[in-house]
């Protein structure tokens, strides 16, 4: 437990940020699940249209620090690869 007042304040800020970041991460995971569901149901045209929105969300989460920028790039690459693979079949 912190001893200084500034440390207590920082702890309160961290708790608030954590709640917001968890909500943002949950939203991102939900969007990814919807996208994967589109791929599973062979709706590649809808998935391609949805991909742009998903990339925007991933980039904004990386900019805010919810996820690391390299993790964001990795997610985007894997999602794009999945769309391209489903388009070929």
C-alpha atoms as a PDB file:
ATOM      1  CA  UNK A   1       0.000   0.000   0.000  1.00  0.00           C
ATOM      2  CA  UNK A   2       1.344   3.459  -0.860  1.00  0.00           C
ATOM      3  CA  UNK A   3       2.402   5.821   1.901  1.00  0.00           C
ATOM      4  CA  UNK A   4       2.477   9.194   0.156  1.00  0.00           C
ATOM      5  CA  UNK A   5      -0.634  11.124  -0.867  1.00  0.00           C
ATOM      6  CA  UNK A   6       0.548  11.380  -4.469  1.00  0.00           C
ATOM      7  CA  UNK A   7       0.962   7.620  -4.592  1.00  0.00           C
ATOM      8  CA  UNK A   8      -2.607   7.149  -3.349  1.00  0.00           C
ATOM      9  CA  UNK A   9      -3.852   9.488  -6.038  1.00  0.00           C
ATOM     10  CA  UNK A  10      -1.876   7.608  -8.686  1.00  0.00           C
ATOM     11  CA  UNK A  11      -3.366   4.340  -7.435  1.00  0.00           C
ATOM     12  CA  UNK A  12      -6.882   5.761  -7.842  1.00  0.00           C
ATOM     13  CA  UNK A  13      -6.043   6.880 -11.379  1.00  0.00           C
ATOM     14  CA  UNK A  14      -4.658   3.456 -12.247  1.00  0.00           C
ATOM     15  CA  UNK A  15      -7.842   1.760 -11.028  1.00  0.00           C
ATOM     16  CA  UNK A  16     -10.011   4.067 -13.140  1.00  0.00           C
ATOM     17  CA  UNK A  17      -7.844   3.540 -16.227  1.00  0.00           C
ATOM     18  CA  UNK A  18      -7.938  -0.214 -15.735  1.00  0.00           C
ATOM     19  CA  UNK A  19     -11.740  -0.283 -15.800  1.00  0.00           C
ATOM     20  CA  UNK A  20     -11.831   1.796 -18.993  1.00  0.00           C
ATOM     21  CA  UNK A  21      -9.112  -0.271 -20.664  1.00  0.00           C
ATOM     22  CA  UNK A  22     -10.881  -3.529 -19.792  1.00  0.00           C
ATOM     23  CA  UNK A  23     -14.051  -2.224 -21.422  1.00  0.00           C
ATOM     24  CA  UNK A  24     -12.150  -1.159 -24.528  1.00  0.00           C
ATOM     25  CA  UNK A  25     -10.377  -4.513 -24.747  1.00  0.00           C
ATOM     26  CA  UNK A  26     -13.660  -6.356 -24.315  1.00  0.00           C
ATOM     27  CA  UNK A  27     -15.191  -4.352 -27.173  1.00  0.00           C
ATOM     28  CA  UNK A  28     -12.213  -5.171 -29.390  1.00  0.00           C
ATOM     29  CA  UNK A  29     -12.476  -8.884 -28.614  1.00  0.00           C
ATOM     30  CA  UNK A  30     -16.190  -8.818 -29.421  1.00  0.00           C
ATOM     31  CA  UNK A  31     -15.519  -7.183 -32.793  1.00  0.00           C
ATOM     32  CA  UNK A  32     -12.870  -9.788 -33.593  1.00  0.00           C
ATOM     33  CA  UNK A  33     -15.277 -12.605 -32.683  1.00  0.00           C
ATOM     34  CA  UNK A  34     -17.944 -11.128 -34.973  1.00  0.00           C
ATOM     35  CA  UNK A  35     -15.387 -10.930 -37.766  1.00  0.00           C
ATOM     36  CA  UNK A  36     -14.311 -14.545 -37.254  1.00  0.00           C
ATOM     37  CA  UNK A  37     -17.971 -15.568 -37.276  1.00  0.00           C
ATOM     38  CA  UNK A  38     -18.385 -13.909 -40.673  1.00  0.00           C
ATOM     39  CA  UNK A  39     -15.444 -15.906 -41.963  1.00  0.00           C
ATOM     40  CA  UNK A  40     -16.824 -19.160 -40.544  1.00  0.00           C
ATOM     41  CA  UNK A  41     -20.164 -18.593 -42.261  1.00  0.00           C
ATOM     42  CA  UNK A  42     -18.352 -17.925 -45.581  1.00  0.00           C
ATOM     43  CA  UNK A  43     -19.500 -14.293 -45.846  1.00  0.00           C
ATOM     44  CA  UNK A  44     -16.195 -13.042 -47.246  1.00  0.00           C
ATOM     45  CA  UNK A  45     -17.629  -9.886 -48.846  1.00  0.00           C
ATOM     46  CA  UNK A  46     -19.104  -8.745 -45.550  1.00  0.00           C
ATOM     47  CA  UNK A  47     -15.896  -9.727 -43.763  1.00  0.00           C
ATOM     48  CA  UNK A  48     -13.800  -7.589 -46.113  1.00  0.00           C
ATOM     49  CA  UNK A  49     -16.075  -4.598 -45.488  1.00  0.00           C
ATOM     50  CA  UNK A  50     -15.961  -5.244 -41.733  1.00  0.00           C
ATOM     51  CA  UNK A  51     -12.171  -5.520 -41.805  1.00  0.00           C
ATOM     52  CA  UNK A  52     -11.728  -1.784 -42.401  1.00  0.00           C
ATOM     53  CA  UNK A  53     -13.780  -0.922 -39.310  1.00  0.00           C
ATOM     54  CA  UNK A  54     -11.897  -3.523 -37.296  1.00  0.00           C
ATOM     55  CA  UNK A  55      -8.494  -2.170 -38.371  1.00  0.00           C
ATOM     56  CA  UNK A  56      -9.570   1.302 -37.287  1.00  0.00           C
ATOM     57  CA  UNK A  57     -10.565   0.036 -33.822  1.00  0.00           C
ATOM     58  CA  UNK A  58      -7.327  -1.916 -33.426  1.00  0.00           C
ATOM     59  CA  UNK A  59      -5.272   1.152 -34.384  1.00  0.00           C
ATOM     60  CA  UNK A  60      -7.151   3.391 -31.967  1.00  0.00           C
ATOM     61  CA  UNK A  61      -6.668   0.898 -29.124  1.00  0.00           C
ATOM     62  CA  UNK A  62      -2.948   0.735 -29.874  1.00  0.00           C
ATOM     63  CA  UNK A  63      -2.720   4.534 -29.938  1.00  0.00           C
ATOM     64  CA  UNK A  64      -4.417   4.708 -26.521  1.00  0.00           C
ATOM     65  CA  UNK A  65      -2.075   2.102 -25.072  1.00  0.00           C
ATOM     66  CA  UNK A  66      -4.707  -0.551 -24.459  1.00  0.00           C
ATOM     67  CA  UNK A  67      -2.655  -2.984 -26.532  1.00  0.00           C
ATOM     68  CA  UNK A  68       0.950  -2.729 -27.688  1.00  0.00           C
ATOM     69  CA  UNK A  69       1.515  -1.404 -31.210  1.00  0.00           C
ATOM     70  CA  UNK A  70       3.297  -4.610 -32.254  1.00  0.00           C
ATOM     71  CA  UNK A  71       0.427  -6.703 -30.901  1.00  0.00           C
ATOM     72  CA  UNK A  72      -1.951  -4.536 -32.943  1.00  0.00           C
ATOM     73  CA  UNK A  73       0.127  -5.052 -36.075  1.00  0.00           C
ATOM     74  CA  UNK A  74       0.202  -8.796 -35.448  1.00  0.00           C
ATOM     75  CA  UNK A  75      -3.583  -8.955 -35.010  1.00  0.00           C
ATOM     76  CA  UNK A  76      -4.151  -6.960 -38.188  1.00  0.00           C
ATOM     77  CA  UNK A  77      -1.796  -9.165 -40.184  1.00  0.00           C
ATOM     78  CA  UNK A  78      -3.465 -12.349 -38.983  1.00  0.00           C
ATOM     79  CA  UNK A  79      -6.956 -11.032 -39.692  1.00  0.00           C
ATOM     80  CA  UNK A  80      -5.969  -9.942 -43.199  1.00  0.00           C
ATOM     81  CA  UNK A  81      -4.348 -13.302 -43.820  1.00  0.00           C
ATOM     82  CA  UNK A  82      -7.538 -15.052 -42.703  1.00  0.00           C
ATOM     83  CA  UNK A  83      -9.662 -12.975 -45.097  1.00  0.00           C
ATOM     84  CA  UNK A  84      -7.333 -13.681 -47.998  1.00  0.00           C
ATOM     85  CA  UNK A  85      -7.306 -17.398 -47.216  1.00  0.00           C
ATOM     86  CA  UNK A  86     -11.114 -17.567 -47.050  1.00  0.00           C
ATOM     87  CA  UNK A  87     -11.431 -15.582 -50.308  1.00  0.00           C
ATOM     88  CA  UNK A  88      -9.345 -18.182 -52.158  1.00  0.00           C
ATOM     89  CA  UNK A  89     -11.572 -21.071 -51.120  1.00  0.00           C
END
